[in-house]
Each structure stands twice: as structure tokens, then as C-alpha cells.
Amino acid sequence: MTVARITEISSVSPKSFEDAVVQGVARANKTLKNLKAAWVKDQEVTIDGGKITEYKVILKVTFVLTD
């Protein structure tokens, strides 16, 4: 039997939403074992002086629990 847990993380990038996702998954993979999936729950940008300065994503990541 497999049991998985879903946890929520946020990640920020100055480049793009895609980069924020890649960075978030890479960082989660350093801490969580058996990472299996991730999906974007929400996206937002930070604006300064009329320009986008940061791309932020809220990710839900799934990892399988071990004994």
C-alpha cells in the first residue's frame, strides 16, 4: 500500500513563473523524499515602478511516505 502526503510551498523568481516552478520543485526535492508530482495552485507577480520584479507561485507537491 502506498501513502502520499501533499504539502504546499511557495517559490519566487525574478525571471518567470516557469523558473519559479523549477526552483520550487528543485528545492522541495532536497528536503522531501520520493517527490512524485507538483501542481500550481496560484500565481502572482510583484510590481515596482510599473514593471514586474518577481513571479511567485504557490505549489502543491506530492511525495510518498516511507516506513
N, C-alpha and C. Protein backbone atom coordinates (compact mmCIF):
# COMPACT_ATOMS: atom_id res chain seq x y z
N MET A 1 0.84 -1.17 0.00
CA MET A 1 0.00 0.00 0.00
C MET A 1 0.89 1.25 0.00
N THR A 2 0.52 2.23 -0.78
CA THR A 2 1.25 3.48 -0.85
C THR A 2 0.45 4.59 -0.20
N VAL A 3 1.13 5.37 0.62
CA VAL A 3 0.50 6.53 1.25
C VAL A 3 1.32 7.75 0.86
N ALA A 4 0.63 8.78 0.40
CA ALA A 4 1.30 10.00 -0.03
C ALA A 4 0.82 11.18 0.80
N ARG A 5 1.65 12.19 0.85
CA ARG A 5 1.30 13.42 1.54
C ARG A 5 1.39 14.57 0.54
N ILE A 6 0.53 15.54 0.70
CA ILE A 6 0.56 16.74 -0.14
C ILE A 6 0.86 17.92 0.76
N THR A 7 1.84 18.71 0.36
CA THR A 7 2.20 19.90 1.13
C THR A 7 2.28 21.10 0.20
N GLU A 8 2.13 22.26 0.76
CA GLU A 8 2.10 23.48 -0.04
C GLU A 8 3.37 24.30 0.20
N ILE A 9 3.98 24.77 -0.88
CA ILE A 9 5.17 25.61 -0.77
C ILE A 9 5.01 26.81 -1.70
N SER A 10 5.79 27.85 -1.46
CA SER A 10 5.81 28.99 -2.37
C SER A 10 7.24 29.16 -2.88
N SER A 11 7.34 29.70 -4.09
CA SER A 11 8.63 29.92 -4.72
C SER A 11 8.57 31.21 -5.52
N VAL A 12 9.67 31.96 -5.50
CA VAL A 12 9.73 33.25 -6.19
C VAL A 12 10.92 33.27 -7.13
N SER A 13 10.72 33.87 -8.30
CA SER A 13 11.79 34.04 -9.28
C SER A 13 11.71 35.43 -9.90
N PRO A 14 12.86 36.02 -10.20
CA PRO A 14 12.84 37.30 -10.92
C PRO A 14 12.66 37.11 -12.43
N LYS A 15 12.73 35.85 -12.91
CA LYS A 15 12.70 35.56 -14.34
C LYS A 15 11.31 35.28 -14.90
N SER A 16 10.62 34.26 -14.32
CA SER A 16 9.34 33.82 -14.90
C SER A 16 8.61 32.90 -13.94
N PHE A 17 7.33 32.65 -14.26
CA PHE A 17 6.57 31.66 -13.49
C PHE A 17 7.20 30.28 -13.65
N GLU A 18 7.61 29.96 -14.86
CA GLU A 18 8.23 28.64 -15.11
C GLU A 18 9.47 28.46 -14.25
N ASP A 19 10.30 29.48 -14.18
CA ASP A 19 11.51 29.39 -13.36
C ASP A 19 11.16 29.25 -11.88
N ALA A 20 10.12 29.92 -11.44
CA ALA A 20 9.68 29.80 -10.04
C ALA A 20 9.26 28.36 -9.75
N VAL A 21 8.57 27.72 -10.70
CA VAL A 21 8.16 26.33 -10.53
C VAL A 21 9.39 25.42 -10.47
N VAL A 22 10.30 25.60 -11.41
CA VAL A 22 11.51 24.77 -11.46
C VAL A 22 12.32 24.92 -10.17
N GLN A 23 12.49 26.15 -9.70
CA GLN A 23 13.25 26.39 -8.46
C GLN A 23 12.53 25.79 -7.25
N GLY A 24 11.22 25.92 -7.20
CA GLY A 24 10.45 25.36 -6.09
C GLY A 24 10.53 23.84 -6.02
N VAL A 25 10.41 23.20 -7.17
CA VAL A 25 10.49 21.73 -7.22
C VAL A 25 11.91 21.28 -6.85
N ALA A 26 12.91 21.97 -7.37
CA ALA A 26 14.30 21.60 -7.06
C ALA A 26 14.57 21.71 -5.57
N ARG A 27 14.08 22.77 -4.96
CA ARG A 27 14.30 22.96 -3.52
C ARG A 27 13.53 21.94 -2.71
N ALA A 28 12.29 21.66 -3.08
CA ALA A 28 11.49 20.65 -2.36
C ALA A 28 12.15 19.29 -2.45
N ASN A 29 12.75 18.99 -3.60
CA ASN A 29 13.40 17.70 -3.80
C ASN A 29 14.60 17.50 -2.88
N LYS A 30 15.22 18.59 -2.42
CA LYS A 30 16.35 18.48 -1.49
C LYS A 30 15.90 18.04 -0.11
N THR A 31 14.67 18.40 0.27
CA THR A 31 14.17 18.13 1.61
C THR A 31 13.24 16.92 1.67
N LEU A 32 12.35 16.81 0.69
CA LEU A 32 11.33 15.77 0.70
C LEU A 32 11.80 14.56 -0.11
N LYS A 33 11.63 13.38 0.46
CA LYS A 33 11.98 12.15 -0.25
C LYS A 33 10.79 11.67 -1.06
N ASN A 34 11.07 11.01 -2.17
CA ASN A 34 10.04 10.40 -3.01
C ASN A 34 9.05 11.42 -3.58
N LEU A 35 9.54 12.57 -4.00
CA LEU A 35 8.70 13.58 -4.63
C LEU A 35 8.13 13.00 -5.92
N LYS A 36 6.82 13.08 -6.10
CA LYS A 36 6.16 12.44 -7.25
C LYS A 36 5.44 13.40 -8.17
N ALA A 37 4.91 14.51 -7.66
CA ALA A 37 4.13 15.42 -8.51
C ALA A 37 4.05 16.80 -7.88
N ALA A 38 3.75 17.77 -8.73
CA ALA A 38 3.52 19.13 -8.25
C ALA A 38 2.53 19.81 -9.17
N TRP A 39 1.70 20.66 -8.61
CA TRP A 39 0.82 21.45 -9.46
C TRP A 39 0.72 22.86 -8.90
N VAL A 40 0.50 23.80 -9.80
CA VAL A 40 0.44 25.20 -9.43
C VAL A 40 -0.95 25.52 -8.90
N LYS A 41 -1.01 25.94 -7.66
CA LYS A 41 -2.28 26.31 -7.04
C LYS A 41 -2.61 27.77 -7.36
N ASP A 42 -1.58 28.63 -7.34
CA ASP A 42 -1.81 30.06 -7.55
C ASP A 42 -0.55 30.71 -8.09
N GLN A 43 -0.74 31.86 -8.74
CA GLN A 43 0.36 32.65 -9.27
C GLN A 43 0.11 34.11 -8.94
N GLU A 44 1.19 34.85 -8.73
CA GLU A 44 1.06 36.30 -8.55
C GLU A 44 2.38 36.96 -8.94
N VAL A 45 2.32 38.24 -9.21
CA VAL A 45 3.53 38.99 -9.53
C VAL A 45 3.67 40.16 -8.57
N THR A 46 4.92 40.60 -8.38
CA THR A 46 5.22 41.82 -7.64
C THR A 46 5.58 42.88 -8.67
N ILE A 47 4.99 44.05 -8.52
CA ILE A 47 5.22 45.13 -9.47
C ILE A 47 5.87 46.30 -8.74
N ASP A 48 6.91 46.85 -9.36
CA ASP A 48 7.60 48.02 -8.81
C ASP A 48 7.86 48.99 -9.96
N GLY A 49 7.34 50.20 -9.83
CA GLY A 49 7.52 51.20 -10.87
C GLY A 49 6.87 50.82 -12.18
N GLY A 50 5.78 50.08 -12.11
CA GLY A 50 5.07 49.67 -13.32
C GLY A 50 5.66 48.46 -14.02
N LYS A 51 6.71 47.86 -13.44
CA LYS A 51 7.34 46.69 -14.06
C LYS A 51 7.28 45.50 -13.12
N ILE A 52 7.16 44.33 -13.69
CA ILE A 52 7.15 43.09 -12.90
C ILE A 52 8.57 42.84 -12.40
N THR A 53 8.69 42.66 -11.08
CA THR A 53 10.00 42.40 -10.50
C THR A 53 10.14 40.97 -9.97
N GLU A 54 9.02 40.32 -9.66
CA GLU A 54 9.06 38.95 -9.15
C GLU A 54 7.83 38.17 -9.61
N TYR A 55 8.06 36.90 -9.87
CA TYR A 55 7.00 35.96 -10.21
C TYR A 55 6.93 34.95 -9.06
N LYS A 56 5.74 34.81 -8.50
CA LYS A 56 5.57 33.91 -7.35
C LYS A 56 4.54 32.84 -7.69
N VAL A 57 4.85 31.60 -7.31
CA VAL A 57 3.90 30.50 -7.46
C VAL A 57 3.68 29.83 -6.12
N ILE A 58 2.47 29.38 -5.90
CA ILE A 58 2.15 28.51 -4.78
C ILE A 58 1.99 27.12 -5.37
N LEU A 59 2.81 26.19 -4.90
CA LEU A 59 2.80 24.82 -5.42
C LEU A 59 2.26 23.86 -4.38
N LYS A 60 1.54 22.87 -4.85
CA LYS A 60 1.18 21.73 -4.02
C LYS A 60 2.04 20.58 -4.52
N VAL A 61 2.85 20.02 -3.63
CA VAL A 61 3.73 18.92 -4.03
C VAL A 61 3.32 17.64 -3.31
N THR A 62 3.43 16.55 -4.04
CA THR A 62 3.05 15.24 -3.52
C THR A 62 4.31 14.40 -3.36
N PHE A 63 4.44 13.75 -2.20
CA PHE A 63 5.55 12.83 -2.00
C PHE A 63 5.04 11.60 -1.26
N VAL A 64 5.65 10.47 -1.57
CA VAL A 64 5.25 9.19 -0.99
C VAL A 64 5.97 8.99 0.33
N LEU A 65 5.20 8.63 1.36
CA LEU A 65 5.77 8.37 2.68
C LEU A 65 6.44 7.00 2.72
N THR A 66 7.54 6.93 3.48
CA THR A 66 8.24 5.66 3.63
C THR A 66 8.17 5.21 5.08
N ASP A 67 8.47 3.95 5.30
CA ASP A 67 8.47 3.40 6.66
C ASP A 67 9.70 3.83 7.43
